[in-house]
Amino acid sequence: MTGSPPSRKSPCSSPSSLTNRPAAHPIASPVVLRTRSPLSRLPPLLRFSLIFLSTLLLWAVTAQLNHALAPWRLYVFVGALAVTLPALTFPFKTGLLASFCGGLLFDAVAPVSFGTHALLFALTHAVVFNFRDRVPRDDTLSRVVIALFANLGLFLIFSFTQVARSPAPASLWPRLFADLACSQICLALIAPWFFAIQARALALLADDTHRYA
């Protein structure tokens, strides 16, 4: 008596075959390598020193310019240039210190309470720092526009403090508006040159530091 042939089980239906299958390897996600900026290699003290020296140069140039404009009773204020680059590119503490010390330079010859420029420069730095990730900050045009708005705010604050202390506030406004127009025009002309000096000096210092490290 011949028996029926044994039934073959499909390997796919066998539980042991399912457990012995090699697990599928997940697809590896591409690794994004972030390169550090050369400026990030600079010690904070070097960055602060270079920005302070550039602010000192700015202060000297504007002092000579105001001396030349004195016969026309005009005054140029471009203090926002001392704040813009540190607020846009530096870590918060290093940039805040550079802006504060730059304000002390402007306080040295200004007819205001000592520390007024330093305090307002520090506040302006904090404001610009908080929204720097929402604006393009790497090109010169964006930096000039940010500096113009920051300079406008600083000038208006100083203007209101002068008007509040003046016995005849109405007579000050025409002169203040003329000073504001002159300041904004001078800032728009000086800013690209000033930012280029700061960026070039920082880049050269970063290259030398990396070369001899």
N, C-alpha and C. Protein backbone atom coordinates (compact mmCIF):
# COMPACT_ATOMS: atom_id res chain seq x y z
N MET A 1 0.87 -1.18 0.00
CA MET A 1 0.00 0.00 0.00
C MET A 1 0.90 1.22 0.00
N THR A 2 0.68 1.95 -1.01
CA THR A 2 1.53 3.14 -1.17
C THR A 2 0.91 4.31 -0.45
N GLY A 3 1.69 4.99 0.37
CA GLY A 3 1.21 6.17 1.10
C GLY A 3 1.32 7.42 0.27
N SER A 4 0.60 8.39 0.67
CA SER A 4 0.64 9.68 -0.05
C SER A 4 1.96 10.37 0.25
N PRO A 5 2.50 11.10 -0.72
CA PRO A 5 3.79 11.81 -0.48
C PRO A 5 3.64 12.85 0.61
N PRO A 6 4.69 13.00 1.39
CA PRO A 6 4.59 13.99 2.49
C PRO A 6 4.42 15.40 1.93
N SER A 7 3.59 16.11 2.60
CA SER A 7 3.33 17.49 2.15
C SER A 7 4.51 18.38 2.52
N ARG A 8 4.86 19.24 1.57
CA ARG A 8 5.97 20.19 1.80
C ARG A 8 5.40 21.52 2.28
N LYS A 9 6.02 21.98 3.32
CA LYS A 9 5.59 23.28 3.84
C LYS A 9 6.41 24.39 3.19
N SER A 10 5.73 25.39 2.87
CA SER A 10 6.43 26.54 2.25
C SER A 10 7.33 27.20 3.27
N PRO A 11 8.55 27.59 2.84
CA PRO A 11 9.43 28.27 3.81
C PRO A 11 8.87 29.56 4.31
N CYS A 12 7.99 30.16 3.52
CA CYS A 12 7.43 31.44 3.96
C CYS A 12 6.45 31.26 5.09
N SER A 13 5.85 30.04 5.19
CA SER A 13 4.86 29.83 6.23
C SER A 13 5.47 29.27 7.49
N SER A 14 6.75 28.99 7.47
CA SER A 14 7.39 28.42 8.65
C SER A 14 7.77 29.51 9.62
N PRO A 15 7.39 29.40 10.90
CA PRO A 15 7.76 30.45 11.86
C PRO A 15 9.26 30.55 12.05
N SER A 16 9.96 29.37 11.98
CA SER A 16 11.40 29.42 12.19
C SER A 16 12.10 30.15 11.07
N SER A 17 11.55 29.99 9.84
CA SER A 17 12.19 30.69 8.73
C SER A 17 11.99 32.19 8.83
N LEU A 18 10.86 32.60 9.42
CA LEU A 18 10.63 34.03 9.58
C LEU A 18 11.57 34.65 10.60
N THR A 19 11.85 33.88 11.65
CA THR A 19 12.72 34.42 12.69
C THR A 19 14.18 34.40 12.28
N ASN A 20 14.56 33.51 11.36
CA ASN A 20 15.95 33.42 10.95
C ASN A 20 16.32 34.37 9.82
N ARG A 21 15.35 35.11 9.32
CA ARG A 21 15.67 36.05 8.24
C ARG A 21 16.54 37.19 8.76
N PRO A 22 17.50 37.61 7.99
CA PRO A 22 18.30 38.76 8.42
C PRO A 22 17.46 40.03 8.41
N ALA A 23 17.66 40.83 9.41
CA ALA A 23 16.90 42.08 9.52
C ALA A 23 17.37 43.06 8.45
N ALA A 24 16.43 43.80 7.93
CA ALA A 24 16.76 44.79 6.91
C ALA A 24 17.51 45.95 7.54
N HIS A 25 18.57 46.38 6.88
CA HIS A 25 19.37 47.48 7.41
C HIS A 25 18.70 48.80 7.07
N PRO A 26 18.55 49.67 8.06
CA PRO A 26 17.94 50.98 7.76
C PRO A 26 18.86 51.81 6.87
N ILE A 27 18.24 52.62 6.07
CA ILE A 27 19.02 53.50 5.18
C ILE A 27 19.63 54.62 6.00
N ALA A 28 20.93 54.71 5.92
CA ALA A 28 21.63 55.73 6.71
C ALA A 28 21.35 57.11 6.14
N SER A 29 21.04 58.05 7.05
CA SER A 29 20.81 59.42 6.61
C SER A 29 22.14 60.11 6.35
N PRO A 30 22.18 60.98 5.38
CA PRO A 30 23.45 61.67 5.09
C PRO A 30 23.90 62.52 6.26
N VAL A 31 25.17 62.51 6.51
CA VAL A 31 25.75 63.27 7.61
C VAL A 31 26.17 64.63 7.09
N VAL A 32 25.67 65.67 7.73
CA VAL A 32 26.00 67.02 7.34
C VAL A 32 27.12 67.51 8.24
N LEU A 33 28.23 67.82 7.64
CA LEU A 33 29.38 68.30 8.39
C LEU A 33 29.35 69.82 8.41
N ARG A 34 29.38 70.37 9.59
CA ARG A 34 29.37 71.81 9.74
C ARG A 34 30.80 72.30 9.97
N THR A 35 31.24 73.13 9.08
CA THR A 35 32.58 73.69 9.21
C THR A 35 32.52 74.94 10.07
N ARG A 36 33.46 75.07 10.91
CA ARG A 36 33.53 76.24 11.78
C ARG A 36 34.09 77.41 11.01
N SER A 37 33.56 78.58 11.29
CA SER A 37 34.07 79.79 10.67
C SER A 37 35.47 80.09 11.21
N PRO A 38 36.36 80.63 10.35
CA PRO A 38 37.69 80.97 10.86
C PRO A 38 37.63 81.97 12.01
N LEU A 39 36.60 82.85 12.01
CA LEU A 39 36.51 83.83 13.07
C LEU A 39 36.21 83.19 14.42
N SER A 40 35.60 81.99 14.41
CA SER A 40 35.27 81.33 15.67
C SER A 40 36.52 80.82 16.38
N ARG A 41 37.64 80.73 15.65
CA ARG A 41 38.88 80.27 16.29
C ARG A 41 39.56 81.39 17.08
N LEU A 42 39.14 82.62 16.86
CA LEU A 42 39.77 83.73 17.56
C LEU A 42 39.36 83.74 19.03
N PRO A 43 40.31 83.95 19.93
CA PRO A 43 39.94 84.11 21.34
C PRO A 43 39.07 85.34 21.52
N PRO A 44 38.14 85.33 22.48
CA PRO A 44 37.25 86.48 22.67
C PRO A 44 38.01 87.79 22.94
N LEU A 45 39.14 87.70 23.65
CA LEU A 45 39.87 88.93 23.95
C LEU A 45 40.43 89.58 22.68
N LEU A 46 40.89 88.76 21.74
CA LEU A 46 41.39 89.31 20.48
C LEU A 46 40.27 89.96 19.68
N ARG A 47 39.13 89.32 19.64
CA ARG A 47 37.99 89.91 18.92
C ARG A 47 37.58 91.23 19.54
N PHE A 48 37.49 91.24 20.87
CA PHE A 48 37.11 92.47 21.55
C PHE A 48 38.13 93.58 21.30
N SER A 49 39.43 93.26 21.36
CA SER A 49 40.46 94.27 21.18
C SER A 49 40.41 94.87 19.79
N LEU A 50 40.18 94.02 18.78
CA LEU A 50 40.16 94.52 17.42
C LEU A 50 38.95 95.42 17.17
N ILE A 51 37.80 95.02 17.69
CA ILE A 51 36.60 95.85 17.53
C ILE A 51 36.75 97.15 18.29
N PHE A 52 37.36 97.11 19.46
CA PHE A 52 37.56 98.34 20.23
C PHE A 52 38.49 99.30 19.49
N LEU A 53 39.54 98.77 18.87
CA LEU A 53 40.45 99.63 18.11
C LEU A 53 39.76 100.24 16.90
N SER A 54 38.91 99.46 16.23
CA SER A 54 38.18 100.01 15.09
C SER A 54 37.18 101.07 15.54
N THR A 55 36.57 100.88 16.71
CA THR A 55 35.67 101.91 17.25
C THR A 55 36.44 103.17 17.61
N LEU A 56 37.65 103.00 18.12
CA LEU A 56 38.49 104.15 18.41
C LEU A 56 38.82 104.93 17.13
N LEU A 57 39.09 104.20 16.04
CA LEU A 57 39.32 104.85 14.76
C LEU A 57 38.07 105.59 14.29
N LEU A 58 36.92 104.96 14.42
CA LEU A 58 35.66 105.61 14.05
C LEU A 58 35.42 106.87 14.86
N TRP A 59 35.67 106.79 16.15
CA TRP A 59 35.47 107.95 17.03
C TRP A 59 36.39 109.10 16.62
N ALA A 60 37.65 108.80 16.28
CA ALA A 60 38.59 109.84 15.88
C ALA A 60 38.18 110.48 14.56
N VAL A 61 37.73 109.67 13.61
CA VAL A 61 37.32 110.21 12.31
C VAL A 61 36.09 111.11 12.45
N THR A 62 35.11 110.66 13.20
CA THR A 62 33.90 111.47 13.37
C THR A 62 34.18 112.74 14.17
N ALA A 63 35.12 112.68 15.11
CA ALA A 63 35.49 113.88 15.86
C ALA A 63 36.10 114.93 14.92
N GLN A 64 36.97 114.50 14.02
CA GLN A 64 37.54 115.44 13.05
C GLN A 64 36.47 115.96 12.09
N LEU A 65 35.56 115.10 11.69
CA LEU A 65 34.49 115.53 10.80
C LEU A 65 33.58 116.55 11.47
N ASN A 66 33.23 116.33 12.72
CA ASN A 66 32.40 117.30 13.44
C ASN A 66 33.14 118.61 13.66
N HIS A 67 34.44 118.53 13.84
CA HIS A 67 35.22 119.77 13.97
C HIS A 67 35.18 120.57 12.67
N ALA A 68 35.24 119.86 11.53
CA ALA A 68 35.18 120.56 10.24
C ALA A 68 33.78 121.12 9.96
N LEU A 69 32.74 120.47 10.47
CA LEU A 69 31.37 120.92 10.23
C LEU A 69 30.88 121.95 11.25
N ALA A 70 31.71 122.26 12.24
CA ALA A 70 31.29 123.19 13.29
C ALA A 70 30.89 124.56 12.75
N PRO A 71 31.58 125.15 11.76
CA PRO A 71 31.13 126.46 11.25
C PRO A 71 29.72 126.44 10.67
N TRP A 72 29.25 125.30 10.19
CA TRP A 72 27.90 125.19 9.65
C TRP A 72 26.89 124.71 10.70
N ARG A 73 27.34 124.60 11.95
CA ARG A 73 26.48 124.19 13.06
C ARG A 73 25.80 122.86 12.77
N LEU A 74 26.58 121.91 12.27
CA LEU A 74 26.09 120.56 12.00
C LEU A 74 26.86 119.57 12.86
N TYR A 75 26.18 118.49 13.20
CA TYR A 75 26.78 117.46 14.04
C TYR A 75 26.45 116.09 13.44
N VAL A 76 27.47 115.24 13.32
CA VAL A 76 27.31 113.91 12.74
C VAL A 76 27.41 112.87 13.85
N PHE A 77 26.44 111.98 13.89
CA PHE A 77 26.46 110.87 14.87
C PHE A 77 26.32 109.57 14.11
N VAL A 78 27.31 108.71 14.24
CA VAL A 78 27.30 107.39 13.58
C VAL A 78 27.64 106.30 14.60
N GLY A 79 27.16 106.44 15.80
CA GLY A 79 27.50 105.51 16.87
C GLY A 79 27.03 104.09 16.64
N ALA A 80 25.99 103.91 15.81
CA ALA A 80 25.50 102.55 15.57
C ALA A 80 26.52 101.68 14.87
N LEU A 81 27.49 102.27 14.20
CA LEU A 81 28.53 101.47 13.55
C LEU A 81 29.38 100.73 14.57
N ALA A 82 29.46 101.24 15.78
CA ALA A 82 30.23 100.57 16.83
C ALA A 82 29.49 99.36 17.39
N VAL A 83 28.21 99.22 17.06
CA VAL A 83 27.38 98.17 17.63
C VAL A 83 27.05 97.09 16.60
N THR A 84 26.95 97.47 15.33
CA THR A 84 26.34 96.58 14.33
C THR A 84 27.09 95.27 14.15
N LEU A 85 28.38 95.33 13.82
CA LEU A 85 29.12 94.10 13.55
C LEU A 85 29.25 93.21 14.79
N PRO A 86 29.57 93.74 15.97
CA PRO A 86 29.60 92.85 17.16
C PRO A 86 28.25 92.20 17.43
N ALA A 87 27.16 92.94 17.23
CA ALA A 87 25.84 92.36 17.51
C ALA A 87 25.44 91.31 16.48
N LEU A 88 25.93 91.43 15.24
CA LEU A 88 25.53 90.51 14.18
C LEU A 88 26.41 89.27 14.09
N THR A 89 27.66 89.35 14.54
CA THR A 89 28.59 88.24 14.30
C THR A 89 29.25 87.68 15.55
N PHE A 90 29.26 88.40 16.66
CA PHE A 90 29.97 87.95 17.85
C PHE A 90 29.04 87.19 18.79
N PRO A 91 29.62 86.37 19.68
CA PRO A 91 28.81 85.85 20.80
C PRO A 91 28.30 87.01 21.65
N PHE A 92 27.24 86.74 22.41
CA PHE A 92 26.55 87.84 23.08
C PHE A 92 27.46 88.59 24.06
N LYS A 93 28.16 87.87 24.92
CA LYS A 93 28.94 88.55 25.95
C LYS A 93 30.10 89.34 25.36
N THR A 94 30.81 88.75 24.40
CA THR A 94 31.94 89.45 23.79
C THR A 94 31.47 90.69 23.04
N GLY A 95 30.40 90.55 22.27
CA GLY A 95 29.88 91.71 21.54
C GLY A 95 29.31 92.77 22.46
N LEU A 96 28.66 92.35 23.54
CA LEU A 96 28.10 93.32 24.48
C LEU A 96 29.21 94.13 25.14
N LEU A 97 30.30 93.47 25.51
CA LEU A 97 31.42 94.19 26.12
C LEU A 97 32.04 95.17 25.14
N ALA A 98 32.18 94.76 23.87
CA ALA A 98 32.75 95.65 22.86
C ALA A 98 31.85 96.85 22.63
N SER A 99 30.54 96.64 22.58
CA SER A 99 29.60 97.75 22.38
C SER A 99 29.60 98.69 23.59
N PHE A 100 29.64 98.14 24.78
CA PHE A 100 29.63 98.96 25.99
C PHE A 100 30.89 99.83 26.07
N CYS A 101 32.04 99.23 25.81
CA CYS A 101 33.28 100.01 25.86
C CYS A 101 33.36 101.03 24.74
N GLY A 102 32.78 100.69 23.57
CA GLY A 102 32.69 101.69 22.50
C GLY A 102 31.83 102.87 22.91
N GLY A 103 30.77 102.60 23.65
CA GLY A 103 29.95 103.69 24.15
C GLY A 103 30.69 104.58 25.13
N LEU A 104 31.58 104.01 25.91
CA LEU A 104 32.38 104.82 26.83
C LEU A 104 33.28 105.79 26.08
N LEU A 105 33.77 105.38 24.90
CA LEU A 105 34.56 106.30 24.08
C LEU A 105 33.72 107.51 23.66
N PHE A 106 32.51 107.25 23.23
CA PHE A 106 31.64 108.36 22.81
C PHE A 106 31.23 109.21 24.00
N ASP A 107 31.16 108.62 25.18
CA ASP A 107 30.81 109.38 26.39
C ASP A 107 31.91 110.36 26.78
N ALA A 108 33.14 110.09 26.34
CA ALA A 108 34.27 110.89 26.80
C ALA A 108 34.16 112.35 26.39
N VAL A 109 33.55 112.63 25.24
CA VAL A 109 33.48 114.01 24.75
C VAL A 109 32.05 114.48 24.54
N ALA A 110 31.07 113.69 24.90
CA ALA A 110 29.68 114.06 24.66
C ALA A 110 29.14 114.88 25.83
N PRO A 111 28.28 115.87 25.55
CA PRO A 111 27.71 116.69 26.62
C PRO A 111 26.51 116.01 27.28
N VAL A 112 26.68 114.77 27.69
CA VAL A 112 25.63 114.02 28.38
C VAL A 112 26.25 113.37 29.61
N SER A 113 25.42 112.82 30.44
CA SER A 113 25.92 112.13 31.63
C SER A 113 26.81 110.97 31.23
N PHE A 114 27.94 110.84 31.90
CA PHE A 114 28.88 109.79 31.54
C PHE A 114 28.24 108.42 31.76
N GLY A 115 28.31 107.59 30.74
CA GLY A 115 27.70 106.27 30.77
C GLY A 115 26.43 106.18 29.95
N THR A 116 25.93 107.32 29.44
CA THR A 116 24.69 107.29 28.67
C THR A 116 24.89 106.54 27.36
N HIS A 117 25.95 106.88 26.63
CA HIS A 117 26.22 106.17 25.38
C HIS A 117 26.48 104.68 25.63
N ALA A 118 27.24 104.39 26.67
CA ALA A 118 27.57 102.99 26.96
C ALA A 118 26.31 102.18 27.24
N LEU A 119 25.40 102.75 28.02
CA LEU A 119 24.16 102.04 28.33
C LEU A 119 23.28 101.85 27.09
N LEU A 120 23.15 102.91 26.30
CA LEU A 120 22.31 102.81 25.11
C LEU A 120 22.94 101.91 24.05
N PHE A 121 24.25 101.94 23.93
CA PHE A 121 24.91 101.03 22.99
C PHE A 121 24.69 99.57 23.41
N ALA A 122 24.76 99.30 24.71
CA ALA A 122 24.52 97.94 25.20
C ALA A 122 23.09 97.50 24.93
N LEU A 123 22.11 98.40 25.14
CA LEU A 123 20.72 98.06 24.87
C LEU A 123 20.49 97.83 23.37
N THR A 124 21.11 98.66 22.54
CA THR A 124 20.99 98.48 21.09
C THR A 124 21.61 97.16 20.66
N HIS A 125 22.73 96.82 21.26
CA HIS A 125 23.36 95.54 20.95
C HIS A 125 22.43 94.37 21.28
N ALA A 126 21.77 94.43 22.43
CA ALA A 126 20.87 93.36 22.82
C ALA A 126 19.69 93.24 21.86
N VAL A 127 19.16 94.37 21.40
CA VAL A 127 18.03 94.34 20.48
C VAL A 127 18.45 93.74 19.14
N VAL A 128 19.57 94.20 18.59
CA VAL A 128 20.03 93.68 17.29
C VAL A 128 20.40 92.20 17.40
N PHE A 129 21.02 91.82 18.51
CA PHE A 129 21.41 90.42 18.70
C PHE A 129 20.20 89.50 18.72
N ASN A 130 19.08 89.96 19.30
CA ASN A 130 17.91 89.10 19.45
C ASN A 130 17.21 88.80 18.12
N PHE A 131 17.33 89.70 17.13
CA PHE A 131 16.66 89.41 15.87
C PHE A 131 17.64 89.18 14.72
N ARG A 132 18.92 88.94 15.02
CA ARG A 132 19.90 88.79 13.95
C ARG A 132 19.69 87.50 13.16
N ASP A 133 19.08 86.47 13.75
CA ASP A 133 18.84 85.23 13.03
C ASP A 133 17.66 85.33 12.06
N ARG A 134 16.91 86.39 12.13
CA ARG A 134 15.74 86.56 11.26
C ARG A 134 16.04 87.43 10.05
N VAL A 135 17.22 87.99 9.98
CA VAL A 135 17.57 88.88 8.87
C VAL A 135 18.86 88.39 8.22
N PRO A 136 19.06 88.68 6.94
CA PRO A 136 20.36 88.37 6.32
C PRO A 136 21.43 89.28 6.89
N ARG A 137 22.47 88.69 7.41
CA ARG A 137 23.47 89.48 8.14
C ARG A 137 24.87 89.34 7.58
N ASP A 138 25.03 88.59 6.48
CA ASP A 138 26.37 88.35 5.96
C ASP A 138 26.77 89.31 4.85
N ASP A 139 25.81 89.97 4.22
CA ASP A 139 26.18 90.88 3.14
C ASP A 139 26.24 92.31 3.65
N THR A 140 26.97 93.13 2.95
CA THR A 140 27.22 94.50 3.40
C THR A 140 25.96 95.34 3.38
N LEU A 141 25.12 95.15 2.37
CA LEU A 141 23.90 95.96 2.28
C LEU A 141 22.99 95.76 3.48
N SER A 142 22.82 94.52 3.91
CA SER A 142 21.98 94.26 5.08
C SER A 142 22.56 94.90 6.33
N ARG A 143 23.86 94.83 6.48
CA ARG A 143 24.49 95.45 7.64
C ARG A 143 24.32 96.97 7.64
N VAL A 144 24.41 97.57 6.46
CA VAL A 144 24.23 99.02 6.37
C VAL A 144 22.80 99.40 6.74
N VAL A 145 21.82 98.64 6.26
CA VAL A 145 20.42 98.94 6.58
C VAL A 145 20.17 98.79 8.07
N ILE A 146 20.69 97.73 8.68
CA ILE A 146 20.53 97.54 10.13
C ILE A 146 21.19 98.68 10.89
N ALA A 147 22.37 99.10 10.45
CA ALA A 147 23.06 100.21 11.11
C ALA A 147 22.28 101.51 10.98
N LEU A 148 21.63 101.74 9.84
CA LEU A 148 20.83 102.95 9.66
C LEU A 148 19.65 102.98 10.63
N PHE A 149 18.95 101.86 10.77
CA PHE A 149 17.82 101.81 11.70
C PHE A 149 18.30 101.96 13.15
N ALA A 150 19.39 101.30 13.49
CA ALA A 150 19.91 101.42 14.86
C ALA A 150 20.37 102.85 15.14
N ASN A 151 21.01 103.48 14.16
CA ASN A 151 21.47 104.85 14.35
C ASN A 151 20.29 105.82 14.49
N LEU A 152 19.24 105.56 13.72
CA LEU A 152 18.03 106.38 13.84
C LEU A 152 17.44 106.30 15.24
N GLY A 153 17.35 105.09 15.78
CA GLY A 153 16.82 104.94 17.13
C GLY A 153 17.67 105.63 18.18
N LEU A 154 18.98 105.45 18.08
CA LEU A 154 19.87 106.10 19.04
C LEU A 154 19.79 107.63 18.93
N PHE A 155 19.76 108.13 17.71
CA PHE A 155 19.71 109.59 17.53
C PHE A 155 18.43 110.16 18.11
N LEU A 156 17.31 109.49 17.89
CA LEU A 156 16.05 110.00 18.41
C LEU A 156 16.04 110.00 19.93
N ILE A 157 16.62 108.98 20.55
CA ILE A 157 16.66 108.95 22.01
C ILE A 157 17.49 110.12 22.54
N PHE A 158 18.66 110.33 21.95
CA PHE A 158 19.49 111.46 22.38
C PHE A 158 18.80 112.80 22.10
N SER A 159 18.07 112.89 21.02
CA SER A 159 17.38 114.14 20.68
C SER A 159 16.30 114.46 21.71
N PHE A 160 15.53 113.46 22.11
CA PHE A 160 14.47 113.70 23.09
C PHE A 160 15.06 114.10 24.44
N THR A 161 16.21 113.54 24.80
CA THR A 161 16.84 113.94 26.06
C THR A 161 17.31 115.39 26.00
N GLN A 162 17.80 115.84 24.84
CA GLN A 162 18.21 117.23 24.71
C GLN A 162 17.02 118.16 24.73
N VAL A 163 15.95 117.76 24.03
CA VAL A 163 14.76 118.61 23.99
C VAL A 163 14.13 118.74 25.37
N ALA A 164 14.16 117.67 26.14
CA ALA A 164 13.55 117.72 27.47
C ALA A 164 14.28 118.67 28.40
N ARG A 165 15.59 118.85 28.19
CA ARG A 165 16.38 119.73 29.06
C ARG A 165 16.48 121.15 28.53
N SER A 166 15.98 121.41 27.34
CA SER A 166 16.11 122.73 26.73
C SER A 166 14.99 123.66 27.17
N PRO A 167 15.29 124.94 27.44
CA PRO A 167 14.21 125.88 27.80
C PRO A 167 13.34 126.25 26.61
N ALA A 168 13.87 126.10 25.38
CA ALA A 168 13.09 126.39 24.16
C ALA A 168 13.17 125.18 23.23
N PRO A 169 12.37 124.14 23.50
CA PRO A 169 12.50 122.90 22.73
C PRO A 169 12.12 123.06 21.26
N ALA A 170 11.20 123.96 20.95
CA ALA A 170 10.75 124.10 19.57
C ALA A 170 11.88 124.58 18.66
N SER A 171 12.79 125.36 19.19
CA SER A 171 13.87 125.89 18.36
C SER A 171 14.94 124.84 18.05
N LEU A 172 14.94 123.72 18.76
CA LEU A 172 15.95 122.69 18.54
C LEU A 172 15.61 121.75 17.40
N TRP A 173 14.32 121.58 17.11
CA TRP A 173 13.93 120.54 16.15
C TRP A 173 14.48 120.76 14.74
N PRO A 174 14.48 121.97 14.18
CA PRO A 174 15.07 122.12 12.84
C PRO A 174 16.54 121.72 12.78
N ARG A 175 17.30 122.10 13.79
CA ARG A 175 18.70 121.72 13.81
C ARG A 175 18.86 120.21 14.00
N LEU A 176 18.03 119.61 14.83
CA LEU A 176 18.13 118.17 15.05
C LEU A 176 17.79 117.39 13.79
N PHE A 177 16.81 117.84 13.05
CA PHE A 177 16.47 117.15 11.80
C PHE A 177 17.60 117.29 10.78
N ALA A 178 18.24 118.44 10.75
CA ALA A 178 19.38 118.61 9.85
C ALA A 178 20.53 117.70 10.27
N ASP A 179 20.78 117.61 11.58
CA ASP A 179 21.83 116.71 12.07
C ASP A 179 21.51 115.25 11.75
N LEU A 180 20.22 114.88 11.88
CA LEU A 180 19.81 113.51 11.59
C LEU A 180 20.04 113.17 10.11
N ALA A 181 19.64 114.06 9.22
CA ALA A 181 19.84 113.82 7.79
C ALA A 181 21.32 113.70 7.46
N CYS A 182 22.12 114.59 8.02
CA CYS A 182 23.56 114.55 7.77
C CYS A 182 24.18 113.28 8.34
N SER A 183 23.72 112.86 9.51
CA SER A 183 24.27 111.66 10.14
C SER A 183 23.95 110.41 9.34
N GLN A 184 22.71 110.30 8.86
CA GLN A 184 22.32 109.10 8.11
C GLN A 184 23.04 109.03 6.77
N ILE A 185 23.23 110.18 6.12
CA ILE A 185 23.96 110.18 4.85
C ILE A 185 25.42 109.79 5.07
N CYS A 186 26.03 110.35 6.08
CA CYS A 186 27.43 110.01 6.38
C CYS A 186 27.57 108.54 6.76
N LEU A 187 26.62 108.02 7.54
CA LEU A 187 26.69 106.61 7.92
C LEU A 187 26.58 105.70 6.70
N ALA A 188 25.66 106.03 5.79
CA ALA A 188 25.51 105.20 4.58
C ALA A 188 26.78 105.23 3.73
N LEU A 189 27.52 106.34 3.75
CA LEU A 189 28.75 106.43 2.98
C LEU A 189 29.93 105.76 3.68
N ILE A 190 29.97 105.87 5.01
CA ILE A 190 31.11 105.35 5.76
C ILE A 190 30.98 103.86 6.05
N ALA A 191 29.75 103.38 6.23
CA ALA A 191 29.53 102.02 6.72
C ALA A 191 30.20 100.94 5.88
N PRO A 192 30.07 100.93 4.54
CA PRO A 192 30.74 99.85 3.79
C PRO A 192 32.25 99.82 4.00
N TRP A 193 32.87 100.99 4.04
CA TRP A 193 34.31 101.06 4.30
C TRP A 193 34.64 100.56 5.70
N PHE A 194 33.85 100.96 6.67
CA PHE A 194 34.13 100.58 8.07
C PHE A 194 33.92 99.10 8.28
N PHE A 195 32.85 98.53 7.74
CA PHE A 195 32.61 97.09 7.87
C PHE A 195 33.68 96.28 7.15
N ALA A 196 34.15 96.79 6.01
CA ALA A 196 35.21 96.08 5.29
C ALA A 196 36.51 96.06 6.09
N ILE A 197 36.83 97.16 6.75
CA ILE A 197 38.04 97.20 7.59
C ILE A 197 37.92 96.21 8.73
N GLN A 198 36.77 96.19 9.39
CA GLN A 198 36.58 95.28 10.51
C GLN A 198 36.65 93.81 10.06
N ALA A 199 35.95 93.49 8.98
CA ALA A 199 35.93 92.11 8.51
C ALA A 199 37.30 91.66 8.03
N ARG A 200 38.01 92.54 7.33
CA ARG A 200 39.33 92.17 6.82
C ARG A 200 40.32 91.98 7.96
N ALA A 201 40.28 92.85 8.94
CA ALA A 201 41.19 92.73 10.08
C ALA A 201 40.91 91.45 10.87
N LEU A 202 39.63 91.13 11.06
CA LEU A 202 39.28 89.90 11.77
C LEU A 202 39.73 88.67 10.98
N ALA A 203 39.57 88.71 9.66
CA ALA A 203 39.97 87.56 8.83
C ALA A 203 41.48 87.37 8.85
N LEU A 204 42.24 88.46 8.75
CA LEU A 204 43.70 88.34 8.78
C LEU A 204 44.18 87.82 10.12
N LEU A 205 43.57 88.31 11.19
CA LEU A 205 43.95 87.85 12.52
C LEU A 205 43.59 86.39 12.72
N ALA A 206 42.46 85.97 12.17
CA ALA A 206 42.06 84.57 12.29
C ALA A 206 43.02 83.66 11.51
N ASP A 207 43.46 84.10 10.32
CA ASP A 207 44.41 83.31 9.53
C ASP A 207 45.75 83.17 10.26
N ASP A 208 46.23 84.27 10.83
CA ASP A 208 47.51 84.21 11.55
C ASP A 208 47.40 83.34 12.79
N THR A 209 46.28 83.45 13.49
CA THR A 209 46.11 82.63 14.69
C THR A 209 46.06 81.15 14.34
N HIS A 210 45.36 80.81 13.25
CA HIS A 210 45.28 79.40 12.83
C HIS A 210 46.62 78.90 12.30
N ARG A 211 47.38 79.78 11.67
CA ARG A 211 48.67 79.35 11.08
C ARG A 211 49.70 79.03 12.15
N TYR A 212 49.72 79.84 13.21
CA TYR A 212 50.74 79.66 14.24
C TYR A 212 50.22 78.92 15.46
N ALA A 213 49.01 78.38 15.37
CA ALA A 213 48.47 77.63 16.51
C ALA A 213 49.19 76.29 16.64
